[in-house]
Amino acid sequence: MKLKRIAKSAVTAMAMATVVLGLNAGTASAATYVSVWGAEGRYDNNPGNGAASWIWVYTGDNSEARLTYILNDGSRRELTATGTYSSATASLNQDVRTIQVCTNFPTPVCSAWS
């Protein structure tokens, strides 16, 4: 009888652990990525750092890259990285709706909105 209770308790504990781990595993999100001519941009609306969203822009072998982003409230903003192989990041207080990265090398060019 004691063995059945111990086995039942162990099964219950494992079931609870599975539920808790399953819930935690689904909280992270993948970042959205865009690129053009070596310049890159990303945003993540669930970065895990306490901010509503996080953005990043990287110049690659370009002298400058500009990440244009639109927030959920409709406002349009920019984050710029200057200098070859440099980057810039920002944590934001609201979610990002879409991004586009642009560079001026060899001619001005922008990625599609994503």
PDB file of N, CA and C in Angstrom:
ATOM      1  N   MET A   1       0.809  -1.192   0.000  1.00  0.00           N
ATOM      2  CA  MET A   1       0.000   0.000   0.000  1.00  0.00           C
ATOM      3  C   MET A   1       0.859   1.266   0.000  1.00  0.00           C
ATOM      4  N   LYS A   2       1.906   1.281   0.869  1.00  0.00           N
ATOM      5  CA  LYS A   2       2.799   2.432   0.912  1.00  0.00           C
ATOM      6  C   LYS A   2       3.504   2.621  -0.429  1.00  0.00           C
ATOM      7  N   LEU A   3       3.883   1.515  -1.051  1.00  0.00           N
ATOM      8  CA  LEU A   3       4.577   1.578  -2.334  1.00  0.00           C
ATOM      9  C   LEU A   3       3.698   2.218  -3.409  1.00  0.00           C
ATOM     10  N   LYS A   4       2.394   1.912  -3.403  1.00  0.00           N
ATOM     11  CA  LYS A   4       1.473   2.512  -4.373  1.00  0.00           C
ATOM     12  C   LYS A   4       1.378   4.021  -4.161  1.00  0.00           C
ATOM     13  N   ARG A   5       1.317   4.454  -2.874  1.00  0.00           N
ATOM     14  CA  ARG A   5       1.235   5.883  -2.583  1.00  0.00           C
ATOM     15  C   ARG A   5       2.506   6.609  -3.022  1.00  0.00           C
ATOM     16  N   ILE A   6       3.651   5.994  -2.769  1.00  0.00           N
ATOM     17  CA  ILE A   6       4.924   6.602  -3.172  1.00  0.00           C
ATOM     18  C   ILE A   6       4.991   6.705  -4.696  1.00  0.00           C
ATOM     19  N   ALA A   7       4.593   5.644  -5.377  1.00  0.00           N
ATOM     20  CA  ALA A   7       4.602   5.649  -6.844  1.00  0.00           C
ATOM     21  C   ALA A   7       3.646   6.710  -7.383  1.00  0.00           C
ATOM     22  N   LYS A   8       2.467   6.826  -6.769  1.00  0.00           N
ATOM     23  CA  LYS A   8       1.481   7.814  -7.210  1.00  0.00           C
ATOM     24  C   LYS A   8       2.014   9.232  -6.985  1.00  0.00           C
ATOM     25  N   SER A   9       2.680   9.464  -5.852  1.00  0.00           N
ATOM     26  CA  SER A   9       3.264  10.777  -5.562  1.00  0.00           C
ATOM     27  C   SER A   9       4.347  11.122  -6.575  1.00  0.00           C
ATOM     28  N   ALA A  10       5.162  10.133  -6.924  1.00  0.00           N
ATOM     29  CA  ALA A  10       6.232  10.360  -7.896  1.00  0.00           C
ATOM     30  C   ALA A  10       5.658  10.710  -9.262  1.00  0.00           C
ATOM     31  N   VAL A  11       4.614  10.014  -9.677  1.00  0.00           N
ATOM     32  CA  VAL A  11       3.968  10.289 -10.965  1.00  0.00           C
ATOM     33  C   VAL A  11       3.364  11.687 -10.955  1.00  0.00           C
ATOM     34  N   THR A  12       2.718  12.063  -9.860  1.00  0.00           N
ATOM     35  CA  THR A  12       2.120  13.395  -9.747  1.00  0.00           C
ATOM     36  C   THR A  12       3.198  14.476  -9.822  1.00  0.00           C
ATOM     37  N   ALA A  13       4.310  14.268  -9.112  1.00  0.00           N
ATOM     38  CA  ALA A  13       5.407  15.246  -9.135  1.00  0.00           C
ATOM     39  C   ALA A  13       5.978  15.385 -10.542  1.00  0.00           C
ATOM     40  N   MET A  14       6.155  14.288 -11.252  1.00  0.00           N
ATOM     41  CA  MET A  14       6.681  14.340 -12.617  1.00  0.00           C
ATOM     42  C   MET A  14       5.710  15.054 -13.555  1.00  0.00           C
ATOM     43  N   ALA A  15       4.423  14.807 -13.374  1.00  0.00           N
ATOM     44  CA  ALA A  15       3.417  15.466 -14.211  1.00  0.00           C
ATOM     45  C   ALA A  15       3.445  16.974 -13.990  1.00  0.00           C
ATOM     46  N   MET A  16       3.567  17.404 -12.732  1.00  0.00           N
ATOM     47  CA  MET A  16       3.626  18.832 -12.432  1.00  0.00           C
ATOM     48  C   MET A  16       4.892  19.457 -13.025  1.00  0.00           C
ATOM     49  N   ALA A  17       6.018  18.769 -12.911  1.00  0.00           N
ATOM     50  CA  ALA A  17       7.272  19.279 -13.468  1.00  0.00           C
ATOM     51  C   ALA A  17       7.166  19.424 -14.978  1.00  0.00           C
ATOM     52  N   THR A  18       6.531  18.469 -15.620  1.00  0.00           N
ATOM     53  CA  THR A  18       6.355  18.522 -17.074  1.00  0.00           C
ATOM     54  C   THR A  18       5.498  19.717 -17.465  1.00  0.00           C
ATOM     55  N   VAL A  19       4.433  19.976 -16.732  1.00  0.00           N
ATOM     56  CA  VAL A  19       3.560  21.113 -17.022  1.00  0.00           C
ATOM     57  C   VAL A  19       4.321  22.417 -16.839  1.00  0.00           C
ATOM     58  N   VAL A  20       5.047  22.569 -15.727  1.00  0.00           N
ATOM     59  CA  VAL A  20       5.791  23.795 -15.461  1.00  0.00           C
ATOM     60  C   VAL A  20       6.872  24.010 -16.517  1.00  0.00           C
ATOM     61  N   LEU A  21       7.645  22.991 -16.830  1.00  0.00           N
ATOM     62  CA  LEU A  21       8.683  23.121 -17.850  1.00  0.00           C
ATOM     63  C   LEU A  21       8.080  23.410 -19.212  1.00  0.00           C
ATOM     64  N   GLY A  22       6.965  22.799 -19.519  1.00  0.00           N
ATOM     65  CA  GLY A  22       6.302  23.040 -20.797  1.00  0.00           C
ATOM     66  C   GLY A  22       5.834  24.472 -20.934  1.00  0.00           C
ATOM     67  N   LEU A  23       5.333  25.055 -19.842  1.00  0.00           N
ATOM     68  CA  LEU A  23       4.892  26.441 -19.892  1.00  0.00           C
ATOM     69  C   LEU A  23       6.073  27.387 -20.059  1.00  0.00           C
ATOM     70  N   ASN A  24       7.155  27.140 -19.376  1.00  0.00           N
ATOM     71  CA  ASN A  24       8.318  28.011 -19.469  1.00  0.00           C
ATOM     72  C   ASN A  24       8.984  27.918 -20.833  1.00  0.00           C
ATOM     73  N   ALA A  25       8.975  26.772 -21.446  1.00  0.00           N
ATOM     74  CA  ALA A  25       9.633  26.605 -22.740  1.00  0.00           C
ATOM     75  C   ALA A  25       8.963  27.434 -23.824  1.00  0.00           C
ATOM     76  N   GLY A  26       7.684  27.729 -23.697  1.00  0.00           N
ATOM     77  CA  GLY A  26       6.968  28.454 -24.731  1.00  0.00           C
ATOM     78  C   GLY A  26       7.024  29.959 -24.602  1.00  0.00           C
ATOM     79  N   THR A  27       7.737  30.507 -23.622  1.00  0.00           N
ATOM     80  CA  THR A  27       7.704  31.944 -23.418  1.00  0.00           C
ATOM     81  C   THR A  27       8.698  32.710 -24.284  1.00  0.00           C
ATOM     82  N   ALA A  28       9.729  32.076 -24.765  1.00  0.00           N
ATOM     83  CA  ALA A  28      10.714  32.778 -25.589  1.00  0.00           C
ATOM     84  C   ALA A  28      10.203  32.905 -27.020  1.00  0.00           C
ATOM     85  N   SER A  29      10.636  33.970 -27.698  1.00  0.00           N
ATOM     86  CA  SER A  29      10.228  34.135 -29.091  1.00  0.00           C
ATOM     87  C   SER A  29      11.471  34.288 -29.960  1.00  0.00           C
ATOM     88  N   ALA A  30      11.318  34.008 -31.210  1.00  0.00           N
ATOM     89  CA  ALA A  30      12.432  34.157 -32.146  1.00  0.00           C
ATOM     90  C   ALA A  30      12.469  35.594 -32.648  1.00  0.00           C
ATOM     91  N   ALA A  31      13.659  36.102 -32.849  1.00  0.00           N
ATOM     92  CA  ALA A  31      13.818  37.456 -33.361  1.00  0.00           C
ATOM     93  C   ALA A  31      13.537  37.473 -34.863  1.00  0.00           C
ATOM     94  N   THR A  32      12.977  38.577 -35.339  1.00  0.00           N
ATOM     95  CA  THR A  32      12.757  38.773 -36.766  1.00  0.00           C
ATOM     96  C   THR A  32      14.005  39.430 -37.353  1.00  0.00           C
ATOM     97  N   TYR A  33      14.461  38.958 -38.499  1.00  0.00           N
ATOM     98  CA  TYR A  33      15.746  39.339 -39.082  1.00  0.00           C
ATOM     99  C   TYR A  33      15.568  39.870 -40.500  1.00  0.00           C
ATOM    100  N   VAL A  34      16.300  40.955 -40.835  1.00  0.00           N
ATOM    101  CA  VAL A  34      16.362  41.476 -42.207  1.00  0.00           C
ATOM    102  C   VAL A  34      17.818  41.794 -42.540  1.00  0.00           C
ATOM    103  N   SER A  35      18.156  41.769 -43.828  1.00  0.00           N
ATOM    104  CA  SER A  35      19.519  42.132 -44.233  1.00  0.00           C
ATOM    105  C   SER A  35      19.522  42.657 -45.664  1.00  0.00           C
ATOM    106  N   VAL A  36      20.544  43.456 -45.958  1.00  0.00           N
ATOM    107  CA  VAL A  36      20.765  43.957 -47.307  1.00  0.00           C
ATOM    108  C   VAL A  36      22.230  44.374 -47.422  1.00  0.00           C
ATOM    109  N   TRP A  37      22.935  43.927 -48.454  1.00  0.00           N
ATOM    110  CA  TRP A  37      24.334  44.271 -48.717  1.00  0.00           C
ATOM    111  C   TRP A  37      25.209  44.171 -47.462  1.00  0.00           C
ATOM    112  N   GLY A  38      25.016  43.174 -46.645  1.00  0.00           N
ATOM    113  CA  GLY A  38      25.838  42.968 -45.453  1.00  0.00           C
ATOM    114  C   GLY A  38      25.334  43.652 -44.199  1.00  0.00           C
ATOM    115  N   ALA A  39      24.464  44.631 -44.338  1.00  0.00           N
ATOM    116  CA  ALA A  39      23.864  45.282 -43.169  1.00  0.00           C
ATOM    117  C   ALA A  39      22.745  44.384 -42.644  1.00  0.00           C
ATOM    118  N   GLU A  40      22.599  44.322 -41.334  1.00  0.00           N
ATOM    119  CA  GLU A  40      21.604  43.442 -40.726  1.00  0.00           C
ATOM    120  C   GLU A  40      20.800  44.189 -39.673  1.00  0.00           C
ATOM    121  N   GLY A  41      19.572  43.724 -39.480  1.00  0.00           N
ATOM    122  CA  GLY A  41      18.723  44.276 -38.426  1.00  0.00           C
ATOM    123  C   GLY A  41      17.856  43.189 -37.831  1.00  0.00           C
ATOM    124  N   ARG A  42      17.528  43.343 -36.557  1.00  0.00           N
ATOM    125  CA  ARG A  42      16.680  42.376 -35.855  1.00  0.00           C
ATOM    126  C   ARG A  42      15.794  43.073 -34.861  1.00  0.00           C
ATOM    127  N   TYR A  43      14.652  42.427 -34.569  1.00  0.00           N
ATOM    128  CA  TYR A  43      13.862  42.840 -33.413  1.00  0.00           C
ATOM    129  C   TYR A  43      13.275  41.606 -32.760  1.00  0.00           C
ATOM    130  N   ASP A  44      13.022  41.738 -31.471  1.00  0.00           N
ATOM    131  CA  ASP A  44      12.442  40.654 -30.679  1.00  0.00           C
ATOM    132  C   ASP A  44      11.423  41.282 -29.740  1.00  0.00           C
ATOM    133  N   ASN A  45      10.167  40.878 -29.857  1.00  0.00           N
ATOM    134  CA  ASN A  45       9.114  41.420 -28.999  1.00  0.00           C
ATOM    135  C   ASN A  45       8.957  40.661 -27.690  1.00  0.00           C
ATOM    136  N   ASN A  46       9.861  39.754 -27.401  1.00  0.00           N
ATOM    137  CA  ASN A  46       9.866  39.053 -26.117  1.00  0.00           C
ATOM    138  C   ASN A  46      11.317  38.745 -25.750  1.00  0.00           C
ATOM    139  N   PRO A  47      12.120  39.787 -25.483  1.00  0.00           N
ATOM    140  CA  PRO A  47      13.553  39.572 -25.326  1.00  0.00           C
ATOM    141  C   PRO A  47      13.983  38.922 -24.018  1.00  0.00           C
ATOM    142  N   GLY A  48      13.123  38.892 -23.022  1.00  0.00           N
ATOM    143  CA  GLY A  48      13.494  38.272 -21.758  1.00  0.00           C
ATOM    144  C   GLY A  48      14.345  39.159 -20.870  1.00  0.00           C
ATOM    145  N   ASN A  49      14.505  40.433 -21.214  1.00  0.00           N
ATOM    146  CA  ASN A  49      15.302  41.336 -20.379  1.00  0.00           C
ATOM    147  C   ASN A  49      14.438  42.346 -19.630  1.00  0.00           C
ATOM    148  N   GLY A  50      13.131  42.153 -19.624  1.00  0.00           N
ATOM    149  CA  GLY A  50      12.226  43.063 -18.931  1.00  0.00           C
ATOM    150  C   GLY A  50      11.641  44.137 -19.834  1.00  0.00           C
ATOM    151  N   ALA A  51      12.222  44.346 -21.005  1.00  0.00           N
ATOM    152  CA  ALA A  51      11.709  45.338 -21.948  1.00  0.00           C
ATOM    153  C   ALA A  51      10.606  44.713 -22.797  1.00  0.00           C
ATOM    154  N   ALA A  52       9.764  45.561 -23.354  1.00  0.00           N
ATOM    155  CA  ALA A  52       8.715  45.054 -24.249  1.00  0.00           C
ATOM    156  C   ALA A  52       9.322  44.504 -25.534  1.00  0.00           C
ATOM    157  N   SER A  53      10.371  45.164 -26.030  1.00  0.00           N
ATOM    158  CA  SER A  53      11.027  44.689 -27.250  1.00  0.00           C
ATOM    159  C   SER A  53      12.483  45.146 -27.270  1.00  0.00           C
ATOM    160  N   TRP A  54      13.226  44.564 -28.204  1.00  0.00           N
ATOM    161  CA  TRP A  54      14.658  44.834 -28.345  1.00  0.00           C
ATOM    162  C   TRP A  54      14.970  44.913 -29.830  1.00  0.00           C
ATOM    163  N   ILE A  55      15.817  45.884 -30.228  1.00  0.00           N
ATOM    164  CA  ILE A  55      16.211  46.017 -31.629  1.00  0.00           C
ATOM    165  C   ILE A  55      17.732  46.069 -31.731  1.00  0.00           C
ATOM    166  N   TRP A  56      18.237  45.694 -32.911  1.00  0.00           N
ATOM    167  CA  TRP A  56      19.678  45.637 -33.155  1.00  0.00           C
ATOM    168  C   TRP A  56      19.933  45.940 -34.620  1.00  0.00           C
ATOM    169  N   VAL A  57      20.988  46.703 -34.887  1.00  0.00           N
ATOM    170  CA  VAL A  57      21.410  46.976 -36.258  1.00  0.00           C
ATOM    171  C   VAL A  57      22.924  46.791 -36.336  1.00  0.00           C
ATOM    172  N   TYR A  58      23.392  46.219 -37.449  1.00  0.00           N
ATOM    173  CA  TYR A  58      24.812  45.901 -37.650  1.00  0.00           C
ATOM    174  C   TYR A  58      25.226  46.376 -39.035  1.00  0.00           C
ATOM    175  N   THR A  59      26.378  47.040 -39.128  1.00  0.00           N
ATOM    176  CA  THR A  59      26.810  47.617 -40.405  1.00  0.00           C
ATOM    177  C   THR A  59      27.448  46.617 -41.360  1.00  0.00           C
ATOM    178  N   GLY A  60      28.042  45.538 -40.832  1.00  0.00           N
ATOM    179  CA  GLY A  60      28.805  44.652 -41.705  1.00  0.00           C
ATOM    180  C   GLY A  60      29.994  45.417 -42.260  1.00  0.00           C
ATOM    181  N   ASP A  61      30.312  45.230 -43.533  1.00  0.00           N
ATOM    182  CA  ASP A  61      31.455  45.955 -44.104  1.00  0.00           C
ATOM    183  C   ASP A  61      31.055  47.307 -44.698  1.00  0.00           C
ATOM    184  N   ASN A  62      29.895  47.815 -44.314  1.00  0.00           N
ATOM    185  CA  ASN A  62      29.430  49.135 -44.736  1.00  0.00           C
ATOM    186  C   ASN A  62      29.856  50.184 -43.708  1.00  0.00           C
ATOM    187  N   SER A  63      29.880  51.449 -44.114  1.00  0.00           N
ATOM    188  CA  SER A  63      30.253  52.510 -43.180  1.00  0.00           C
ATOM    189  C   SER A  63      29.101  52.915 -42.270  1.00  0.00           C
ATOM    190  N   GLU A  64      27.872  52.604 -42.678  1.00  0.00           N
ATOM    191  CA  GLU A  64      26.706  52.964 -41.870  1.00  0.00           C
ATOM    192  C   GLU A  64      25.533  52.056 -42.220  1.00  0.00           C
ATOM    193  N   ALA A  65      24.710  51.771 -41.227  1.00  0.00           N
ATOM    194  CA  ALA A  65      23.457  51.041 -41.447  1.00  0.00           C
ATOM    195  C   ALA A  65      22.385  51.697 -40.588  1.00  0.00           C
ATOM    196  N   ARG A  66      21.193  51.829 -41.151  1.00  0.00           N
ATOM    197  CA  ARG A  66      20.080  52.465 -40.448  1.00  0.00           C
ATOM    198  C   ARG A  66      18.923  51.482 -40.362  1.00  0.00           C
ATOM    199  N   LEU A  67      18.452  51.237 -39.152  1.00  0.00           N
ATOM    200  CA  LEU A  67      17.289  50.381 -38.938  1.00  0.00           C
ATOM    201  C   LEU A  67      16.092  51.288 -38.701  1.00  0.00           C
ATOM    202  N   THR A  68      15.142  51.257 -39.615  1.00  0.00           N
ATOM    203  CA  THR A  68      13.900  51.997 -39.440  1.00  0.00           C
ATOM    204  C   THR A  68      12.883  51.022 -38.883  1.00  0.00           C
ATOM    205  N   TYR A  69      12.182  51.418 -37.822  1.00  0.00           N
ATOM    206  CA  TYR A  69      11.205  50.517 -37.210  1.00  0.00           C
ATOM    207  C   TYR A  69       9.918  51.261 -36.901  1.00  0.00           C
ATOM    208  N   ILE A  70       8.828  50.525 -36.989  1.00  0.00           N
ATOM    209  CA  ILE A  70       7.513  51.073 -36.680  1.00  0.00           C
ATOM    210  C   ILE A  70       6.994  50.350 -35.448  1.00  0.00           C
ATOM    211  N   LEU A  71       6.617  51.141 -34.446  1.00  0.00           N
ATOM    212  CA  LEU A  71       6.097  50.584 -33.200  1.00  0.00           C
ATOM    213  C   LEU A  71       4.608  50.293 -33.328  1.00  0.00           C
ATOM    214  N   ASN A  72       4.072  49.560 -32.381  1.00  0.00           N
ATOM    215  CA  ASN A  72       2.651  49.207 -32.428  1.00  0.00           C
ATOM    216  C   ASN A  72       1.736  50.426 -32.387  1.00  0.00           C
ATOM    217  N   ASP A  73       2.193  51.538 -31.816  1.00  0.00           N
ATOM    218  CA  ASP A  73       1.352  52.741 -31.796  1.00  0.00           C
ATOM    219  C   ASP A  73       1.405  53.494 -33.128  1.00  0.00           C
ATOM    220  N   GLY A  74       2.178  52.977 -34.103  1.00  0.00           N
ATOM    221  CA  GLY A  74       2.262  53.585 -35.426  1.00  0.00           C
ATOM    222  C   GLY A  74       3.423  54.556 -35.600  1.00  0.00           C
ATOM    223  N   SER A  75       4.123  54.890 -34.524  1.00  0.00           N
ATOM    224  CA  SER A  75       5.242  55.826 -34.658  1.00  0.00           C
ATOM    225  C   SER A  75       6.422  55.159 -35.357  1.00  0.00           C
ATOM    226  N   ARG A  76       7.123  55.958 -36.143  1.00  0.00           N
ATOM    227  CA  ARG A  76       8.258  55.477 -36.945  1.00  0.00           C
ATOM    228  C   ARG A  76       9.533  56.074 -36.367  1.00  0.00           C
ATOM    229  N   ARG A  77      10.533  55.223 -36.117  1.00  0.00           N
ATOM    230  CA  ARG A  77      11.789  55.674 -35.512  1.00  0.00           C
ATOM    231  C   ARG A  77      12.969  55.010 -36.203  1.00  0.00           C
ATOM    232  N   GLU A  78      14.175  55.476 -35.879  1.00  0.00           N
ATOM    233  CA  GLU A  78      15.386  54.922 -36.495  1.00  0.00           C
ATOM    234  C   GLU A  78      16.466  54.673 -35.453  1.00  0.00           C
ATOM    235  N   LEU A  79      17.277  53.669 -35.711  1.00  0.00           N
ATOM    236  CA  LEU A  79      18.476  53.370 -34.930  1.00  0.00           C
ATOM    237  C   LEU A  79      19.605  53.220 -35.939  1.00  0.00           C
ATOM    238  N   THR A  80      20.705  53.943 -35.740  1.00  0.00           N
ATOM    239  CA  THR A  80      21.811  53.942 -36.697  1.00  0.00           C
ATOM    240  C   THR A  80      23.086  53.418 -36.053  1.00  0.00           C
ATOM    241  N   ALA A  81      23.809  52.605 -36.800  1.00  0.00           N
ATOM    242  CA  ALA A  81      25.153  52.167 -36.411  1.00  0.00           C
ATOM    243  C   ALA A  81      26.123  52.760 -37.423  1.00  0.00           C
ATOM    244  N   THR A  82      27.217  53.338 -36.940  1.00  0.00           N
ATOM    245  CA  THR A  82      28.196  53.989 -37.800  1.00  0.00           C
ATOM    246  C   THR A  82      29.565  53.355 -37.605  1.00  0.00           C
ATOM    247  N   GLY A  83      30.273  53.137 -38.700  1.00  0.00           N
ATOM    248  CA  GLY A  83      31.597  52.530 -38.650  1.00  0.00           C
ATOM    249  C   GLY A  83      31.527  51.083 -39.101  1.00  0.00           C
ATOM    250  N   THR A  84      32.514  50.662 -39.848  1.00  0.00           N
ATOM    251  CA  THR A  84      32.551  49.296 -40.369  1.00  0.00           C
ATOM    252  C   THR A  84      32.528  48.284 -39.233  1.00  0.00           C
ATOM    253  N   TYR A  85      31.722  47.254 -39.392  1.00  0.00           N
ATOM    254  CA  TYR A  85      31.565  46.154 -38.424  1.00  0.00           C
ATOM    255  C   TYR A  85      31.134  46.643 -37.039  1.00  0.00           C
ATOM    256  N   SER A  86      30.294  47.670 -36.981  1.00  0.00           N
ATOM    257  CA  SER A  86      29.765  48.125 -35.698  1.00  0.00           C
ATOM    258  C   SER A  86      28.282  47.851 -35.601  1.00  0.00           C
ATOM    259  N   SER A  87      27.780  47.940 -34.371  1.00  0.00           N
ATOM    260  CA  SER A  87      26.363  47.670 -34.141  1.00  0.00           C
ATOM    261  C   SER A  87      25.815  48.630 -33.101  1.00  0.00           C
ATOM    262  N   ALA A  88      24.503  48.679 -33.024  1.00  0.00           N
ATOM    263  CA  ALA A  88      23.805  49.468 -32.011  1.00  0.00           C
ATOM    264  C   ALA A  88      22.574  48.675 -31.582  1.00  0.00           C
ATOM    265  N   THR A  89      22.205  48.798 -30.322  1.00  0.00           N
ATOM    266  CA  THR A  89      21.022  48.112 -29.798  1.00  0.00           C
ATOM    267  C   THR A  89      20.193  49.081 -28.976  1.00  0.00           C
ATOM    268  N   ALA A  90      18.939  48.729 -28.773  1.00  0.00           N
ATOM    269  CA  ALA A  90      18.059  49.504 -27.899  1.00  0.00           C
ATOM    270  C   ALA A  90      16.970  48.594 -27.356  1.00  0.00           C
ATOM    271  N   SER A  91      16.615  48.814 -26.107  1.00  0.00           N
ATOM    272  CA  SER A  91      15.454  48.160 -25.502  1.00  0.00           C
ATOM    273  C   SER A  91      14.316  49.169 -25.535  1.00  0.00           C
ATOM    274  N   LEU A  92      13.146  48.729 -25.937  1.00  0.00           N
ATOM    275  CA  LEU A  92      12.012  49.632 -26.134  1.00  0.00           C
ATOM    276  C   LEU A  92      10.888  49.317 -25.156  1.00  0.00           C
ATOM    277  N   ASN A  93      10.008  50.302 -24.930  1.00  0.00           N
ATOM    278  CA  ASN A  93       8.913  50.110 -23.979  1.00  0.00           C
ATOM    279  C   ASN A  93       7.613  49.651 -24.626  1.00  0.00           C
ATOM    280  N   GLN A  94       7.638  49.360 -25.917  1.00  0.00           N
ATOM    281  CA  GLN A  94       6.471  48.778 -26.583  1.00  0.00           C
ATOM    282  C   GLN A  94       6.934  47.882 -27.727  1.00  0.00           C
ATOM    283  N   ASP A  95       6.040  47.064 -28.224  1.00  0.00           N
ATOM    284  CA  ASP A  95       6.384  46.110 -29.273  1.00  0.00           C
ATOM    285  C   ASP A  95       6.642  46.803 -30.609  1.00  0.00           C
ATOM    286  N   VAL A  96       7.480  46.156 -31.410  1.00  0.00           N
ATOM    287  CA  VAL A  96       7.799  46.612 -32.759  1.00  0.00           C
ATOM    288  C   VAL A  96       6.870  45.894 -33.736  1.00  0.00           C
ATOM    289  N   ARG A  97       6.330  46.629 -34.684  1.00  0.00           N
ATOM    290  CA  ARG A  97       5.447  46.040 -35.692  1.00  0.00           C
ATOM    291  C   ARG A  97       6.230  45.530 -36.894  1.00  0.00           C
ATOM    292  N   THR A  98       7.204  46.324 -37.379  1.00  0.00           N
ATOM    293  CA  THR A  98       7.960  45.953 -38.571  1.00  0.00           C
ATOM    294  C   THR A  98       9.282  46.716 -38.614  1.00  0.00           C
ATOM    295  N   ILE A  99      10.260  46.176 -39.366  1.00  0.00           N
ATOM    296  CA  ILE A  99      11.566  46.833 -39.501  1.00  0.00           C
ATOM    297  C   ILE A  99      12.046  46.787 -40.948  1.00  0.00           C
ATOM    298  N   GLN A 100      12.983  47.697 -41.238  1.00  0.00           N
ATOM    299  CA  GLN A 100      13.667  47.727 -42.531  1.00  0.00           C
ATOM    300  C   GLN A 100      15.089  48.219 -42.271  1.00  0.00           C
ATOM    301  N   VAL A 101      16.078  47.590 -42.879  1.00  0.00           N
ATOM    302  CA  VAL A 101      17.460  48.042 -42.727  1.00  0.00           C
ATOM    303  C   VAL A 101      17.940  48.623 -44.054  1.00  0.00           C
ATOM    304  N   CYS A 102      18.673  49.735 -43.966  1.00  0.00           N
ATOM    305  CA  CYS A 102      19.194  50.406 -45.161  1.00  0.00           C
ATOM    306  C   CYS A 102      20.682  50.672 -44.994  1.00  0.00           C
ATOM    307  N   THR A 103      21.388  50.719 -46.116  1.00  0.00           N
ATOM    308  CA  THR A 103      22.804  51.080 -46.134  1.00  0.00           C
ATOM    309  C   THR A 103      23.075  51.889 -47.391  1.00  0.00           C
ATOM    310  N   ASN A 104      24.213  52.574 -47.416  1.00  0.00           N
ATOM    311  CA  ASN A 104      24.523  53.421 -48.570  1.00  0.00           C
ATOM    312  C   ASN A 104      25.679  52.884 -49.396  1.00  0.00           C
ATOM    313  N   PHE A 105      25.997  51.597 -49.256  1.00  0.00           N
ATOM    314  CA  PHE A 105      27.137  51.039 -49.991  1.00  0.00           C
ATOM    315  C   PHE A 105      26.696  49.842 -50.810  1.00  0.00           C
ATOM    316  N   PRO A 106      27.003  49.739 -52.043  1.00  0.00           N
ATOM    317  CA  PRO A 106      27.714  50.693 -52.882  1.00  0.00           C
ATOM    318  C   PRO A 106      26.829  51.850 -53.323  1.00  0.00           C
ATOM    319  N   THR A 107      25.529  51.663 -53.314  1.00  0.00           N
ATOM    320  CA  THR A 107      24.569  52.739 -53.552  1.00  0.00           C
ATOM    321  C   THR A 107      23.492  52.603 -52.484  1.00  0.00           C
ATOM    322  N   PRO A 108      22.705  53.647 -52.238  1.00  0.00           N
ATOM    323  CA  PRO A 108      21.648  53.526 -51.230  1.00  0.00           C
ATOM    324  C   PRO A 108      20.691  52.377 -51.569  1.00  0.00           C
ATOM    325  N   VAL A 109      20.491  51.489 -50.610  1.00  0.00           N
ATOM    326  CA  VAL A 109      19.621  50.333 -50.812  1.00  0.00           C
ATOM    327  C   VAL A 109      19.004  49.941 -49.470  1.00  0.00           C
ATOM    328  N   CYS A 110      17.756  49.455 -49.517  1.00  0.00           N
ATOM    329  CA  CYS A 110      17.043  49.041 -48.303  1.00  0.00           C
ATOM    330  C   CYS A 110      16.481  47.639 -48.477  1.00  0.00           C
ATOM    331  N   SER A 111      16.350  46.946 -47.372  1.00  0.00           N
ATOM    332  CA  SER A 111      15.713  45.628 -47.385  1.00  0.00           C
ATOM    333  C   SER A 111      14.205  45.804 -47.517  1.00  0.00           C
ATOM    334  N   ALA A 112      13.524  44.708 -47.707  1.00  0.00           N
ATOM    335  CA  ALA A 112      12.063  44.730 -47.638  1.00  0.00           C
ATOM    336  C   ALA A 112      11.659  44.924 -46.176  1.00  0.00           C
ATOM    337  N   TRP A 113      10.439  45.384 -45.942  1.00  0.00           N
ATOM    338  CA  TRP A 113       9.914  45.485 -44.578  1.00  0.00           C
ATOM    339  C   TRP A 113       9.613  44.081 -44.077  1.00  0.00           C
ATOM    340  N   SER A 114       9.915  43.837 -42.829  1.00  0.00           N
ATOM    341  CA  SER A 114       9.637  42.521 -42.260  1.00  0.00           C
ATOM    342  C   SER A 114       9.094  42.662 -40.863  1.00  0.00           C
TER     343      SER A 114
END
